[in-house]
Structure formats: structure tokens, C-alpha cells
């Protein structure tokens, strides 16, 4: 009954959902493309692909090491990846080209999912992190399609939200084949919400299994030559609306004390690239856009307005700030700059990565700040003290290295749960 009511609400809300899609398409035209896929209108396949769902860019990047490992060890395995966003679709294309098929995931509507499942006929579904939908899980259960929740995380805030709809959440979790959690704390939250304990395994986070391509390091070194190799550089990655203004305030304060300072701003969402560039220009700073030209010694703010370059830009930093943390977005992944042995600073809103951030802080590789004054104080401390910067960076890199190995453990779960289906 609960899922029937949920589906009815979905159908009633559909005009609003489509209206929002059209509005988003005005800013990002890709949202207006391939809309039929969101209703299950996809090409028929007869090869029983492994279906991997990663909602957007962050989840796609997180699961990329597993996909690469599958392509290496199971070269004949057909793989289908779905996302909800065009930026996620772009990352799938950039990372894997034609090695995997990409489609947009259908809305959580019974008729759309029925059409999708009939045409795709997947052997198994891997859902990345926490992108669980009741009708998706139910559609898989009705067709005996195993569902593995991989690299699973569940913040206390999200758990409270799921708990409010226990009539939907509990049967959905019971229908999962396995939950491979990033840590025991998050795993316990799934069990408290209704996941049978025997279906939980703690594999760790595959985000620790980061490999930094030498090409990224070389490109970063090239950038530093262009803007001045001796200049101190702050890279602020995955920033959200409201954060750029605070970071520009920070930059103005620091500029009085470090006149040759460069700040690299990398907004999280591409539809905000133009707005961030305009905001920065209005503040009177000398701005260069990555998509528009090469930086030089006069560049004060370098706007990273291209996709897939954040790791390389972090490699160019003396100090990394990870966004979504000065505003209540919950923060983003601090492990990429940490793996590069960069000192990392974040704001106080890190609930999306609470366990990782707390552990990284305890290891001495992360500074959390609660105000702009604290952010200025710690930024100055790092930028003016190479020894402190090196200590933070070394501790961060060591923390990442100590926690690697989740990828192999997750692969074993995939092999056990998902690859036993008939080919």
C-alpha cells in the first residue's frame, strides 16, 4: 500500500518534474535531450548487461575504479551505466568512451521501469552510494535481478529522512541483495532502518583507492609555469552558490598579506560557470577562464570551468579548499587533494563525509573551520609556513594510503552477488 501511494504521488507530481526539467534545460540544454530515456524508452538489448547507476559526477568518479577493474578482469562483460544528470553522462563518456553504454535512469515510475527492465533485461544492478528508489528496487525484485548497494554511505541526516518513511524504506532495504558500506557507522544506520544484518558487509570506501595519473601532475606543473611557478596557490574545488562570495572575501583579505596569491575557483555545477565568472569580474579581480585562455602572471582568479580537471587542478595547489562545506551542502570528497599530499581545509558543514573528515582531521591531514576569520587564519598559517603545509600534506597522503584496499573487497562482493547471473 505504501509503495502504491508513493507511486500515485509520483504520477501527480510528474508535471512539476517535467516543468523543472524544462527550466533546467534553459540553463543547461543537455537536460532537454534524450528525455524519452527517463521514461524507459531505450534501445532493446539482448546481452544481459550489468547495470550500474551513479546519480551524477561525484558518484560516477567514485565508482570509476570499480568499472575500470571490471573492464580489465571481465572484458566480455557488457556494462550499462545510468545517471540522472548530463554532467554525470559527460563523465561516463570521458572516463569510458564506448566501453560502456550510457543511458539516463528512468524516473521511479512503475510503467517507465517496466519498459526499461523489459528492454534492458539486466543481470544485476549496482547502485552507487545511497541512490535508492523504491520502485527501482521492486522492479528488480520482481525479475529476480540482484541489487548491490556499493560504496554505501548514509549520514545521520539522511537516515532521519529515510526513517520518516519506514513503510517504504524497510521493505526496500529488505529487498536488497547486499549493502557494501564505507564504514561500520553508516552500515549500522542501514540495519537500524531495516536492512537484515546478514546482508551488510563493510568494505571501506573505494574513494581511497585513488590513482593520480602522471599526465595530471605534468599538466599541473605546466599551469604553474604559466601563472608563475613561485606564486602561492589556493585551489577551491566543488564550490556552491554562496561560497564563491565568501572565498572572494577571503582572497581580498589574503591579498593584503600575500600580494602574488592566486586563487583557482572550480564551481561544482557547470551551469554556474558563467555566473561565477561574472561575480569574480565584478569584484574587480583579473580573471582568466580555463576554457577561454591561458593564465599568466597577471591572473588573480583562475576559473576552472571545464569538466574532469579538478584532480589536475588540485595537483597545482599549495592549499586545497573543498567546497560545499561553508554552506549547508554537506561537503565533498577531501580524499583527492589528500592523496596528492596537499594540505586540506573545509568548512564546518561536512555531514556527507562526516566519518572520513573526522578521521582525516584526527590523522592530522584536514583542518575544519567555522568562520571566515578561521579560514583566513589557517590559510595564512599554511601558505606562510612551508613546514606546516608539508606536515598536513604528508599526514593526508599517509591517511589515504593506510585506508586503501576497499576496491578489491568491493570487487569480491560484485563477483559474488552480481556476476553469478547468467551471461
Protein backbone atom coordinates (compact mmCIF):
# COMPACT_ATOMS: atom_id res chain seq x y z
CA UNK A 1 0.00 0.00 0.00
CA UNK A 2 2.80 2.44 0.90
CA UNK A 3 4.53 1.97 -2.45
CA UNK A 4 1.21 2.32 -4.27
CA UNK A 5 0.63 5.69 -2.58
CA UNK A 6 4.23 6.69 -3.30
CA UNK A 7 3.75 5.88 -6.99
CA UNK A 8 0.48 7.84 -7.09
CA UNK A 9 2.28 10.88 -5.68
CA UNK A 10 4.99 10.46 -8.30
CA UNK A 11 2.42 10.46 -11.12
CA UNK A 12 0.67 13.52 -9.67
CA UNK A 13 3.99 15.33 -9.36
CA UNK A 14 5.13 14.44 -12.87
CA UNK A 15 4.01 17.74 -14.49
CA UNK A 16 6.09 19.63 -11.92
CA UNK A 17 9.05 17.33 -12.52
CA UNK A 18 8.87 17.95 -16.27
CA UNK A 19 8.47 21.66 -15.73
CA UNK A 20 11.63 21.67 -13.61
CA UNK A 21 13.42 19.69 -16.31
CA UNK A 22 12.46 22.31 -18.91
CA UNK A 23 13.68 25.10 -16.65
CA UNK A 24 17.00 23.37 -16.12
CA UNK A 25 17.26 22.89 -19.89
CA UNK A 26 17.13 26.67 -20.31
CA UNK A 27 20.43 26.96 -18.45
CA UNK A 28 21.89 23.60 -19.41
CA UNK A 29 20.40 22.48 -22.76
CA UNK A 30 21.51 18.87 -22.26
CA UNK A 31 18.67 18.46 -19.74
CA UNK A 32 16.28 18.78 -22.67
CA UNK A 33 17.88 15.94 -24.61
CA UNK A 34 17.06 12.21 -24.54
CA UNK A 35 14.01 12.80 -22.35
CA UNK A 36 12.44 9.56 -23.55
CA UNK A 37 15.10 7.59 -21.69
CA UNK A 38 13.74 8.98 -18.43
CA UNK A 39 10.51 7.11 -19.25
CA UNK A 40 12.22 3.85 -20.15
CA UNK A 41 12.24 4.42 -23.90
CA UNK A 42 15.62 2.86 -24.55
CA UNK A 43 17.06 0.52 -27.19
CA UNK A 44 16.45 -3.19 -26.71
CA UNK A 45 19.44 -5.23 -25.55
CA UNK A 46 19.80 -8.99 -25.56
CA UNK A 47 23.16 -9.34 -23.79
CA UNK A 48 22.05 -9.00 -20.15
CA UNK A 49 24.30 -6.10 -19.15
CA UNK A 50 25.50 -5.32 -15.67
CA UNK A 51 23.59 -2.15 -14.78
CA UNK A 52 25.49 0.42 -12.70
CA UNK A 53 23.61 3.51 -11.50
CA UNK A 54 25.59 6.57 -10.39
CA UNK A 55 23.39 9.60 -9.99
CA UNK A 56 25.86 12.33 -11.02
CA UNK A 57 29.52 13.33 -11.29
CA UNK A 58 30.63 12.54 -7.75
CA UNK A 59 29.19 9.04 -7.74
CA UNK A 60 30.50 8.36 -11.25
CA UNK A 61 34.02 9.36 -10.27
CA UNK A 62 33.73 7.32 -7.06
CA UNK A 63 32.73 4.11 -8.86
CA UNK A 64 35.10 4.60 -11.81
CA UNK A 65 37.89 2.44 -10.28
CA UNK A 66 35.46 -0.49 -9.96
CA UNK A 67 34.26 -0.08 -13.55
CA UNK A 68 37.84 0.03 -14.80
CA UNK A 69 38.65 -3.10 -12.82
CA UNK A 70 35.59 -4.86 -14.26
CA UNK A 71 36.60 -3.88 -17.79
CA UNK A 72 40.09 -5.27 -17.15
CA UNK A 73 39.10 -8.54 -15.46
CA UNK A 74 35.81 -9.16 -17.29
CA UNK A 75 36.46 -7.78 -20.80
CA UNK A 76 33.45 -9.63 -22.26
CA UNK A 77 31.05 -8.30 -19.61
CA UNK A 78 28.56 -5.81 -21.10
CA UNK A 79 28.16 -2.77 -18.83
CA UNK A 80 25.36 -0.21 -18.82
CA UNK A 81 25.78 2.95 -16.74
CA UNK A 82 22.91 5.28 -15.89
CA UNK A 83 22.96 8.74 -14.37
CA UNK A 84 20.34 11.36 -13.64
CA UNK A 85 22.34 14.39 -14.80
CA UNK A 86 24.01 15.41 -18.08
CA UNK A 87 27.23 16.17 -16.20
CA UNK A 88 27.22 12.59 -14.96
CA UNK A 89 26.66 11.42 -18.53
CA UNK A 90 29.60 13.52 -19.69
CA UNK A 91 31.88 11.99 -17.07
CA UNK A 92 30.84 8.49 -18.14
CA UNK A 93 31.77 9.34 -21.73
CA UNK A 94 35.05 10.98 -20.71
CA UNK A 95 36.09 8.09 -18.48
CA UNK A 96 34.99 5.10 -20.55
CA UNK A 97 34.17 6.22 -24.09
CA UNK A 98 32.36 3.43 -25.93
CA UNK A 99 33.49 0.73 -23.49
CA UNK A 100 30.18 1.11 -21.66
CA UNK A 101 26.73 2.25 -22.73
CA UNK A 102 25.23 5.29 -21.04
CA UNK A 103 21.52 5.97 -20.56
CA UNK A 104 19.56 8.26 -18.30
CA UNK A 105 17.93 6.36 -15.47
CA UNK A 106 14.14 6.19 -15.72
CA UNK A 107 12.08 8.11 -13.23
CA UNK A 108 10.85 5.96 -10.36
CA UNK A 109 7.55 5.27 -12.11
CA UNK A 110 6.26 1.69 -12.45
CA UNK A 111 5.41 1.91 -16.15
CA UNK A 112 8.75 3.55 -17.04
CA UNK A 113 10.69 0.96 -15.09
CA UNK A 114 8.70 -1.92 -16.52
CA UNK A 115 9.52 -0.74 -20.05
CA UNK A 116 13.18 -0.18 -19.15
CA UNK A 117 13.62 -3.57 -17.49
CA UNK A 118 11.92 -5.39 -20.35
CA UNK A 119 14.19 -3.76 -22.93
CA UNK A 120 17.44 -3.91 -20.97
CA UNK A 121 16.96 -7.18 -19.05
CA UNK A 122 19.95 -6.57 -16.75
CA UNK A 123 21.75 -9.42 -14.98
CA UNK A 124 22.23 -7.29 -11.83
CA UNK A 125 22.12 -3.72 -10.58
CA UNK A 126 24.87 -1.91 -8.69
CA UNK A 127 23.65 1.30 -7.05
CA UNK A 128 26.37 3.74 -6.02
CA UNK A 129 26.36 5.22 -2.51
CA UNK A 130 22.74 5.94 -1.49
CA UNK A 131 20.68 6.48 -4.64
CA UNK A 132 17.89 4.09 -3.65
CA UNK A 133 14.41 4.28 -5.19
CA UNK A 134 11.55 2.03 -4.02
CA UNK A 135 10.15 1.19 -7.46
CA UNK A 136 13.60 0.54 -8.94
CA UNK A 137 14.32 -1.98 -6.20
CA UNK A 138 10.85 -3.51 -6.51
CA UNK A 139 11.21 -3.85 -10.30
CA UNK A 140 14.49 -5.70 -9.81
CA UNK A 141 13.00 -7.96 -7.14
CA UNK A 142 10.08 -8.91 -9.39
CA UNK A 143 12.55 -10.05 -12.08
CA UNK A 144 14.99 -11.72 -9.67
CA UNK A 145 17.68 -9.16 -10.50
CA UNK A 146 20.23 -8.89 -7.65
CA UNK A 147 20.77 -5.38 -6.26
CA UNK A 148 24.07 -4.41 -4.62
CA UNK A 149 24.40 -1.03 -2.90
CA UNK A 150 28.10 -0.26 -3.42
CA UNK A 151 30.35 2.19 -1.59
CA UNK A 152 27.28 2.82 0.53
CA UNK A 153 27.13 5.78 2.87
CA UNK A 154 24.29 7.12 5.00
CA UNK A 155 24.65 10.28 7.04
CA UNK A 156 22.71 10.77 10.26
CA UNK A 157 20.65 13.44 8.49
CA UNK A 158 19.76 11.13 5.59
CA UNK A 159 18.93 8.30 7.98
CA UNK A 160 16.42 10.51 9.76
CA UNK A 161 14.80 11.29 6.40
CA UNK A 162 14.52 7.62 5.47
CA UNK A 163 13.15 6.81 8.93
CA UNK A 164 10.19 9.14 8.36
CA UNK A 165 9.09 6.85 5.53
CA UNK A 166 9.79 3.50 7.15
CA UNK A 167 6.82 1.88 5.39
CA UNK A 168 8.75 2.41 2.14
CA UNK A 169 12.29 2.17 3.45
CA UNK A 170 12.06 -1.10 5.39
CA UNK A 171 10.75 -3.34 2.55
CA UNK A 172 13.11 -1.66 0.10
CA UNK A 173 16.15 -2.44 2.26
CA UNK A 174 14.95 -5.99 2.87
CA UNK A 175 14.84 -6.48 -0.91
CA UNK A 176 18.50 -5.58 -1.41
CA UNK A 177 20.92 -8.43 -2.02
CA UNK A 178 23.85 -6.79 -0.23
CA UNK A 179 24.98 -3.43 1.14
CA UNK A 180 28.73 -2.81 0.89
CA UNK A 181 29.15 0.06 3.36
CA UNK A 182 32.02 2.51 3.57
CA UNK A 183 32.24 2.13 7.36
CA UNK A 184 30.56 0.41 10.28
CA UNK A 185 28.78 3.57 11.46
CA UNK A 186 26.97 4.02 8.16
CA UNK A 187 26.34 0.28 7.94
CA UNK A 188 24.67 0.28 11.36
CA UNK A 189 22.32 3.02 10.18
CA UNK A 190 21.14 0.82 7.31
CA UNK A 191 20.49 -2.04 9.75
CA UNK A 192 18.56 0.26 12.09
CA UNK A 193 16.36 1.25 9.15
CA UNK A 194 15.52 -2.37 8.32
CA UNK A 195 18.40 -3.95 6.42
CA UNK A 196 18.86 -7.58 7.56
CA UNK A 197 22.26 -7.66 9.36
CA UNK A 198 23.45 -10.64 7.33
CA UNK A 199 23.17 -8.50 4.17
CA UNK A 200 25.66 -5.92 5.45
CA UNK A 201 29.39 -6.04 4.72
CA UNK A 202 31.84 -3.22 5.46
CA UNK A 203 34.27 -2.87 2.56
CA UNK A 204 35.55 0.66 3.15
CA UNK A 205 35.35 3.49 0.63
CA UNK A 206 36.67 2.97 -2.89
CA UNK A 207 37.37 6.70 -2.89
CA UNK A 208 40.57 5.86 -1.02
CA UNK A 209 41.79 3.80 -3.99
CA UNK A 210 42.86 6.86 -5.92
CA UNK A 211 45.48 6.73 -8.63
CA UNK A 212 46.82 10.06 -9.81
CA UNK A 213 47.86 9.94 -13.49
CA UNK A 214 51.31 11.31 -14.23
CA UNK A 215 49.69 13.31 -17.03
CA UNK A 216 47.67 15.26 -14.42
CA UNK A 217 50.82 16.11 -12.47
CA UNK A 218 52.60 17.23 -15.64
CA UNK A 219 49.69 19.40 -16.73
CA UNK A 220 49.52 20.96 -13.26
CA UNK A 221 53.25 21.74 -13.41
CA UNK A 222 52.67 23.37 -16.80
CA UNK A 223 49.95 25.58 -15.38
CA UNK A 224 52.20 26.71 -12.56
CA UNK A 225 54.81 27.77 -15.10
CA UNK A 226 52.21 29.84 -16.94
CA UNK A 227 50.97 31.78 -13.94
CA UNK A 228 54.30 31.89 -12.11
CA UNK A 229 55.90 28.85 -10.55
CA UNK A 230 56.75 30.59 -7.28
CA UNK A 231 53.28 32.01 -6.70
CA UNK A 232 51.29 30.58 -3.76
CA UNK A 233 48.06 28.97 -4.97
CA UNK A 234 44.75 28.14 -3.29
CA UNK A 235 42.50 25.75 -5.23
CA UNK A 236 38.87 25.89 -4.11
CA UNK A 237 37.12 22.86 -5.62
CA UNK A 238 33.44 21.89 -5.95
CA UNK A 239 32.14 25.25 -4.73
CA UNK A 240 28.44 26.07 -4.43
CA UNK A 241 26.32 29.19 -4.62
CA UNK A 242 27.16 31.49 -1.73
CA UNK A 243 30.63 30.04 -1.23
CA UNK A 244 32.34 31.91 -4.05
CA UNK A 245 31.43 35.26 -2.46
CA UNK A 246 32.98 34.16 0.83
CA UNK A 247 36.05 32.81 -0.92
CA UNK A 248 36.49 36.08 -2.82
CA UNK A 249 36.25 37.91 0.51
CA UNK A 250 38.95 35.57 1.80
CA UNK A 251 41.07 36.24 -1.27
CA UNK A 252 40.78 40.02 -0.80
CA UNK A 253 41.91 39.69 2.82
CA UNK A 254 44.82 37.41 1.98
CA UNK A 255 45.93 39.60 -0.92
CA UNK A 256 46.94 42.33 1.54
CA UNK A 257 49.39 39.90 3.14
CA UNK A 258 50.32 37.76 0.11
CA UNK A 259 50.25 40.14 -2.91
CA UNK A 260 51.10 37.49 -5.52
CA UNK A 261 48.47 34.97 -4.32
CA UNK A 262 46.45 33.12 -6.98
CA UNK A 263 43.06 31.53 -6.33
CA UNK A 264 41.61 28.80 -8.54
CA UNK A 265 37.80 28.58 -8.30
CA UNK A 266 36.13 25.40 -9.55
CA UNK A 267 32.31 25.53 -9.28
CA UNK A 268 30.62 22.19 -8.70
CA UNK A 269 27.96 22.60 -11.42
CA UNK A 270 28.72 23.70 -15.00
CA UNK A 271 25.55 25.77 -15.30
CA UNK A 272 27.10 28.15 -12.75
CA UNK A 273 30.37 28.70 -14.63
CA UNK A 274 29.23 31.92 -16.33
CA UNK A 275 27.72 33.33 -13.15
CA UNK A 276 30.87 32.70 -11.10
CA UNK A 277 33.00 34.32 -13.80
CA UNK A 278 30.71 37.38 -13.79
CA UNK A 279 30.72 37.56 -9.98
CA UNK A 280 34.50 37.43 -9.90
CA UNK A 281 34.93 40.05 -12.64
CA UNK A 282 32.54 42.44 -10.88
CA UNK A 283 34.74 42.28 -7.81
CA UNK A 284 37.50 43.84 -9.88
CA UNK A 285 39.88 40.90 -9.95
CA UNK A 286 41.87 39.90 -13.02
CA UNK A 287 40.13 36.72 -14.15
CA UNK A 288 41.09 34.00 -16.61
CA UNK A 289 38.72 31.19 -17.53
CA UNK A 290 40.24 27.81 -18.19
CA UNK A 291 38.01 27.45 -21.26
CA UNK A 292 38.96 30.88 -22.57
CA UNK A 293 42.73 31.19 -22.50
CA UNK A 294 45.98 30.54 -20.72
CA UNK A 295 46.67 32.09 -17.31
CA UNK A 296 49.66 34.36 -16.82
CA UNK A 297 51.47 36.26 -14.10
CA UNK A 298 48.70 38.89 -14.04
CA UNK A 299 45.90 36.38 -13.42
CA UNK A 300 44.49 36.65 -9.90
CA UNK A 301 41.48 34.33 -10.17
CA UNK A 302 41.54 31.29 -12.45
CA UNK A 303 38.05 29.87 -13.01
CA UNK A 304 38.11 26.13 -13.65
CA UNK A 305 35.13 25.96 -16.00
CA UNK A 306 35.89 22.63 -17.67
CA UNK A 307 34.77 19.18 -16.61
CA UNK A 308 37.06 16.43 -15.41
CA UNK A 309 40.02 18.66 -14.47
CA UNK A 310 39.56 19.01 -10.71
CA UNK A 311 42.16 16.40 -9.75
CA UNK A 312 44.71 18.07 -12.03
CA UNK A 313 43.88 21.50 -10.59
CA UNK A 314 44.25 20.19 -7.04
CA UNK A 315 47.70 18.96 -8.11
CA UNK A 316 48.64 22.59 -8.85
CA UNK A 317 47.71 23.78 -5.34
CA UNK A 318 49.70 24.78 -2.30
CA UNK A 319 46.45 24.68 -0.31
CA UNK A 320 43.20 22.92 -1.19
CA UNK A 321 39.77 24.04 -0.03
CA UNK A 322 36.98 21.51 -0.60
CA UNK A 323 33.62 23.13 -1.23
CA UNK A 324 30.04 22.52 -0.20
CA UNK A 325 31.30 22.99 3.35
CA UNK A 326 30.96 26.73 4.00
CA UNK A 327 27.26 26.40 3.15
CA UNK A 328 24.93 23.62 4.24
CA UNK A 329 25.53 21.25 1.34
CA UNK A 330 27.39 18.66 3.40
CA UNK A 331 30.80 18.96 1.77
CA UNK A 332 32.52 17.00 -0.98
CA UNK A 333 35.30 14.44 -1.17
CA UNK A 334 38.54 15.61 0.53
CA UNK A 335 40.49 12.49 -0.47
CA UNK A 336 41.62 13.67 -3.91
CA UNK A 337 43.71 16.59 -2.62
CA UNK A 338 44.73 14.44 0.36
CA UNK A 339 46.07 11.73 -1.97
CA UNK A 340 48.13 14.43 -3.67
CA UNK A 341 49.71 15.31 -0.28
CA UNK A 342 48.05 18.73 -0.25
CA UNK A 343 47.02 20.44 3.00
CA UNK A 344 43.21 20.44 3.03
CA UNK A 345 40.80 22.92 4.62
CA UNK A 346 37.00 22.63 4.76
CA UNK A 347 34.15 24.48 6.42
CA UNK A 348 32.03 23.07 9.21
CA UNK A 349 29.30 21.51 7.02
CA UNK A 350 30.79 18.12 6.17
CA UNK A 351 27.93 15.78 7.10
CA UNK A 352 28.06 13.99 3.73
CA UNK A 353 31.60 12.86 4.56
CA UNK A 354 31.45 13.06 8.35
CA UNK A 355 33.32 9.85 9.12
CA UNK A 356 36.06 10.41 6.53
CA UNK A 357 36.51 14.07 7.52
CA UNK A 358 36.70 13.29 11.23
CA UNK A 359 39.24 10.52 10.63
CA UNK A 360 41.31 12.70 8.27
CA UNK A 361 41.25 15.51 10.84
CA UNK A 362 42.35 13.11 13.59
CA UNK A 363 45.17 11.92 11.34
CA UNK A 364 46.39 15.50 11.03
CA UNK A 365 45.57 15.93 7.36
CA UNK A 366 42.50 18.18 7.50
CA UNK A 367 41.60 21.49 9.11
CA UNK A 368 37.91 22.27 9.70
CA UNK A 369 36.92 25.91 10.18
CA UNK A 370 33.72 27.50 11.44
CA UNK A 371 34.07 31.08 10.17
CA UNK A 372 35.72 33.25 7.55
CA UNK A 373 38.12 34.55 10.20
CA UNK A 374 39.23 30.99 11.00
CA UNK A 375 39.56 30.21 7.30
CA UNK A 376 41.80 33.27 6.86
CA UNK A 377 43.88 32.38 9.92
CA UNK A 378 44.53 28.78 8.87
CA UNK A 379 45.07 29.67 5.21
CA UNK A 380 47.75 32.18 6.19
CA UNK A 381 49.32 29.65 8.53
CA UNK A 382 49.65 27.09 5.75
CA UNK A 383 50.68 29.45 2.97
CA UNK A 384 53.33 31.22 5.04
CA UNK A 385 54.75 28.15 6.76
CA UNK A 386 56.05 25.52 4.28
CA UNK A 387 56.87 23.16 7.15
CA UNK A 388 53.27 23.18 8.43
CA UNK A 389 51.99 22.74 4.89
CA UNK A 390 54.27 19.75 4.38
CA UNK A 391 53.18 18.19 7.68
CA UNK A 392 49.50 18.49 6.79
CA UNK A 393 50.05 17.16 3.28
CA UNK A 394 52.19 14.23 4.39
CA UNK A 395 49.64 13.25 7.04
CA UNK A 396 46.82 13.48 4.50
CA UNK A 397 48.59 11.27 1.95
CA UNK A 398 49.51 8.72 4.62
CA UNK A 399 45.89 8.55 5.77
CA UNK A 400 44.70 7.80 2.23
CA UNK A 401 47.36 5.14 1.71
CA UNK A 402 46.55 3.40 5.02
CA UNK A 403 42.89 3.06 4.08
CA UNK A 404 43.29 1.69 0.57
CA UNK A 405 42.12 -1.79 -0.38
CA UNK A 406 38.35 -1.21 -0.50
CA UNK A 407 38.30 -1.64 -4.27
CA UNK A 408 39.37 -5.28 -4.14
CA UNK A 409 36.94 -6.02 -1.31
CA UNK A 410 34.10 -4.40 -3.27
CA UNK A 411 35.04 -6.32 -6.42
CA UNK A 412 34.72 -9.57 -4.48
CA UNK A 413 31.18 -8.60 -3.49
CA UNK A 414 30.33 -7.74 -7.10
CA UNK A 415 31.72 -11.05 -8.28
CA UNK A 416 29.71 -12.92 -5.64
CA UNK A 417 26.39 -11.05 -5.91
CA UNK A 418 26.26 -9.73 -9.46
CA UNK A 419 28.38 -11.87 -11.76
CA UNK A 420 26.75 -15.16 -10.89
CA UNK A 421 23.78 -14.19 -13.06
CA UNK A 422 23.64 -15.98 -16.42
CA UNK A 423 25.54 -14.33 -19.22
